[in-house]
Amino acid sequence: MNKVFLFPLMLAMLFMYLIDRKSLKAAPAVNRWVSLTLYVISIGIWIYGTLTKSSVYVAAWLSRFIDMWLPPAL
């Protein structure tokens, strides 16, 4: 199933972190925590998306939260 894609995606995330680690260490603390939090959230989304059997995806959940902050259509 989709579990085949989990390992390469985790390797890609690890590779991205290894490339960016020098710039993350030099960044201010706030930027560092935001970046690391986004890494963790994206790993969680990948794991959920590859392990779930339901048809509700994280993008559908996120779109509902984003819609709350968008202005109404004209």
N, C-alpha and C. Protein backbone atom coordinates (compact mmCIF):
# COMPACT_ATOMS: atom_id res chain seq x y z
N MET A 1 0.83 -1.18 0.00
CA MET A 1 0.00 0.00 0.00
C MET A 1 0.88 1.24 0.00
N ASN A 2 0.49 2.30 0.70
CA ASN A 2 1.26 3.53 0.74
C ASN A 2 2.45 3.47 1.68
N LYS A 3 2.58 2.41 2.43
CA LYS A 3 3.69 2.29 3.37
C LYS A 3 5.03 2.25 2.64
N VAL A 4 5.01 1.88 1.38
CA VAL A 4 6.24 1.83 0.59
C VAL A 4 6.85 3.22 0.48
N PHE A 5 6.02 4.25 0.48
CA PHE A 5 6.49 5.62 0.31
C PHE A 5 6.99 6.25 1.60
N LEU A 6 6.72 5.65 2.73
CA LEU A 6 7.09 6.24 4.01
C LEU A 6 8.60 6.34 4.17
N PHE A 7 9.32 5.28 3.89
CA PHE A 7 10.77 5.27 4.11
C PHE A 7 11.50 6.28 3.22
N PRO A 8 11.24 6.34 1.91
CA PRO A 8 11.93 7.37 1.11
C PRO A 8 11.60 8.79 1.53
N LEU A 9 10.37 9.04 1.96
CA LEU A 9 10.01 10.38 2.40
C LEU A 9 10.70 10.74 3.70
N MET A 10 10.83 9.78 4.60
CA MET A 10 11.56 10.04 5.83
C MET A 10 13.04 10.30 5.54
N LEU A 11 13.60 9.56 4.59
CA LEU A 11 14.99 9.82 4.20
C LEU A 11 15.15 11.20 3.57
N ALA A 12 14.16 11.62 2.79
CA ALA A 12 14.21 12.96 2.20
C ALA A 12 14.16 14.03 3.28
N MET A 13 13.33 13.84 4.28
CA MET A 13 13.25 14.81 5.37
C MET A 13 14.56 14.85 6.16
N LEU A 14 15.14 13.70 6.42
CA LEU A 14 16.42 13.66 7.12
C LEU A 14 17.51 14.34 6.30
N PHE A 15 17.51 14.12 5.00
CA PHE A 15 18.47 14.74 4.11
C PHE A 15 18.32 16.26 4.12
N MET A 16 17.07 16.74 4.09
CA MET A 16 16.82 18.19 4.15
C MET A 16 17.32 18.77 5.46
N TYR A 17 17.10 18.06 6.55
CA TYR A 17 17.57 18.54 7.85
C TYR A 17 19.10 18.60 7.89
N LEU A 18 19.75 17.57 7.35
CA LEU A 18 21.21 17.54 7.37
C LEU A 18 21.79 18.67 6.53
N ILE A 19 21.14 19.01 5.45
CA ILE A 19 21.61 20.11 4.62
C ILE A 19 21.41 21.45 5.34
N ASP A 20 20.30 21.61 6.03
CA ASP A 20 19.95 22.89 6.65
C ASP A 20 20.44 23.05 8.08
N ARG A 21 21.10 22.07 8.65
CA ARG A 21 21.42 22.15 10.07
C ARG A 21 22.38 23.28 10.41
N LYS A 22 23.32 23.62 9.51
CA LYS A 22 24.24 24.72 9.80
C LYS A 22 23.50 26.05 9.83
N SER A 23 22.59 26.24 8.88
CA SER A 23 21.84 27.50 8.87
C SER A 23 20.82 27.54 10.01
N LEU A 24 20.31 26.38 10.42
CA LEU A 24 19.39 26.36 11.56
C LEU A 24 20.10 26.73 12.86
N LYS A 25 21.35 26.27 13.01
CA LYS A 25 22.09 26.60 14.23
C LYS A 25 22.44 28.09 14.29
N ALA A 26 22.63 28.70 13.11
CA ALA A 26 22.98 30.11 13.07
C ALA A 26 21.75 31.02 13.14
N ALA A 27 20.58 30.48 12.96
CA ALA A 27 19.36 31.28 12.96
C ALA A 27 18.98 31.68 14.38
N PRO A 28 18.22 32.76 14.51
CA PRO A 28 17.71 33.13 15.85
C PRO A 28 16.85 32.00 16.42
N ALA A 29 16.70 32.02 17.73
CA ALA A 29 16.00 30.92 18.42
C ALA A 29 14.56 30.76 17.94
N VAL A 30 13.87 31.86 17.70
CA VAL A 30 12.47 31.77 17.26
C VAL A 30 12.39 31.09 15.90
N ASN A 31 13.24 31.49 14.97
CA ASN A 31 13.23 30.87 13.64
C ASN A 31 13.61 29.40 13.71
N ARG A 32 14.52 29.08 14.61
CA ARG A 32 14.95 27.69 14.76
C ARG A 32 13.80 26.82 15.24
N TRP A 33 13.04 27.31 16.24
CA TRP A 33 11.93 26.52 16.76
C TRP A 33 10.80 26.40 15.75
N VAL A 34 10.56 27.45 14.99
CA VAL A 34 9.52 27.38 13.95
C VAL A 34 9.91 26.35 12.89
N SER A 35 11.16 26.38 12.47
CA SER A 35 11.62 25.43 11.45
C SER A 35 11.54 23.99 11.96
N LEU A 36 12.01 23.76 13.17
CA LEU A 36 11.97 22.40 13.70
C LEU A 36 10.54 21.93 13.92
N THR A 37 9.65 22.84 14.33
CA THR A 37 8.25 22.48 14.49
C THR A 37 7.64 22.10 13.15
N LEU A 38 7.96 22.83 12.10
CA LEU A 38 7.45 22.49 10.77
C LEU A 38 7.99 21.14 10.29
N TYR A 39 9.25 20.83 10.61
CA TYR A 39 9.79 19.51 10.29
C TYR A 39 8.98 18.42 10.98
N VAL A 40 8.71 18.59 12.26
CA VAL A 40 7.98 17.57 13.02
C VAL A 40 6.55 17.43 12.50
N ILE A 41 5.90 18.55 12.21
CA ILE A 41 4.52 18.50 11.69
C ILE A 41 4.49 17.78 10.35
N SER A 42 5.44 18.09 9.48
CA SER A 42 5.44 17.44 8.17
C SER A 42 5.72 15.94 8.27
N ILE A 43 6.57 15.54 9.20
CA ILE A 43 6.80 14.11 9.41
C ILE A 43 5.51 13.45 9.90
N GLY A 44 4.80 14.11 10.80
CA GLY A 44 3.52 13.57 11.28
C GLY A 44 2.50 13.44 10.17
N ILE A 45 2.44 14.43 9.28
CA ILE A 45 1.51 14.37 8.16
C ILE A 45 1.87 13.22 7.24
N TRP A 46 3.16 13.03 6.97
CA TRP A 46 3.58 11.92 6.10
C TRP A 46 3.22 10.58 6.72
N ILE A 47 3.49 10.44 8.01
CA ILE A 47 3.18 9.17 8.67
C ILE A 47 1.68 8.91 8.65
N TYR A 48 0.88 9.92 8.97
CA TYR A 48 -0.57 9.74 8.96
C TYR A 48 -1.06 9.42 7.55
N GLY A 49 -0.55 10.13 6.55
CA GLY A 49 -0.99 9.91 5.18
C GLY A 49 -0.62 8.56 4.62
N THR A 50 0.47 8.00 5.08
CA THR A 50 0.87 6.69 4.57
C THR A 50 0.30 5.53 5.36
N LEU A 51 -0.06 5.75 6.61
CA LEU A 51 -0.55 4.65 7.43
C LEU A 51 -2.07 4.57 7.54
N THR A 52 -2.76 5.61 7.17
CA THR A 52 -4.20 5.62 7.34
C THR A 52 -4.90 4.90 6.19
N LYS A 53 -6.04 4.34 6.48
CA LYS A 53 -6.83 3.67 5.44
C LYS A 53 -8.07 4.49 5.09
N SER A 54 -8.26 5.60 5.78
CA SER A 54 -9.44 6.42 5.50
C SER A 54 -9.17 7.34 4.31
N SER A 55 -10.23 7.89 3.77
CA SER A 55 -10.10 8.76 2.61
C SER A 55 -10.01 10.22 3.00
N VAL A 56 -10.02 10.52 4.31
CA VAL A 56 -9.87 11.90 4.77
C VAL A 56 -8.39 12.17 4.96
N TYR A 57 -7.89 13.13 4.22
CA TYR A 57 -6.47 13.43 4.27
C TYR A 57 -6.23 14.70 5.06
N VAL A 58 -5.00 14.90 5.46
CA VAL A 58 -4.63 16.04 6.27
C VAL A 58 -4.89 17.34 5.51
N ALA A 59 -4.70 17.34 4.20
CA ALA A 59 -4.94 18.54 3.41
C ALA A 59 -6.40 18.99 3.53
N ALA A 60 -7.32 18.06 3.62
CA ALA A 60 -8.73 18.41 3.79
C ALA A 60 -8.96 19.06 5.15
N TRP A 61 -8.30 18.56 6.19
CA TRP A 61 -8.42 19.17 7.51
C TRP A 61 -7.81 20.56 7.52
N LEU A 62 -6.63 20.68 6.94
CA LEU A 62 -5.96 21.97 6.93
C LEU A 62 -6.74 23.01 6.14
N SER A 63 -7.39 22.60 5.07
CA SER A 63 -8.14 23.56 4.26
C SER A 63 -9.30 24.15 5.06
N ARG A 64 -9.89 23.38 5.96
CA ARG A 64 -10.98 23.92 6.80
C ARG A 64 -10.47 24.95 7.79
N PHE A 65 -9.27 24.73 8.33
CA PHE A 65 -8.69 25.71 9.24
C PHE A 65 -8.25 26.97 8.49
N ILE A 66 -7.70 26.80 7.30
CA ILE A 66 -7.28 27.96 6.51
C ILE A 66 -8.50 28.78 6.09
N ASP A 67 -9.60 28.13 5.78
CA ASP A 67 -10.81 28.85 5.38
C ASP A 67 -11.33 29.78 6.48
N MET A 68 -11.06 29.46 7.72
CA MET A 68 -11.51 30.32 8.81
C MET A 68 -10.82 31.68 8.78
N TRP A 69 -9.57 31.71 8.30
CA TRP A 69 -8.81 32.95 8.29
C TRP A 69 -8.91 33.72 6.98
N LEU A 70 -9.43 33.10 5.96
CA LEU A 70 -9.55 33.79 4.67
C LEU A 70 -10.77 34.69 4.67
N PRO A 71 -10.70 35.81 3.96
CA PRO A 71 -11.88 36.65 3.85
C PRO A 71 -12.93 35.98 2.97
N PRO A 72 -14.20 36.33 3.14
CA PRO A 72 -15.25 35.71 2.31
C PRO A 72 -15.06 36.09 0.84
N ALA A 73 -15.46 35.19 -0.02
CA ALA A 73 -15.34 35.43 -1.47
C ALA A 73 -16.24 36.59 -1.88
N LEU A 74 -15.77 37.36 -2.84
CA LEU A 74 -16.56 38.51 -3.30
C LEU A 74 -17.60 38.10 -4.30
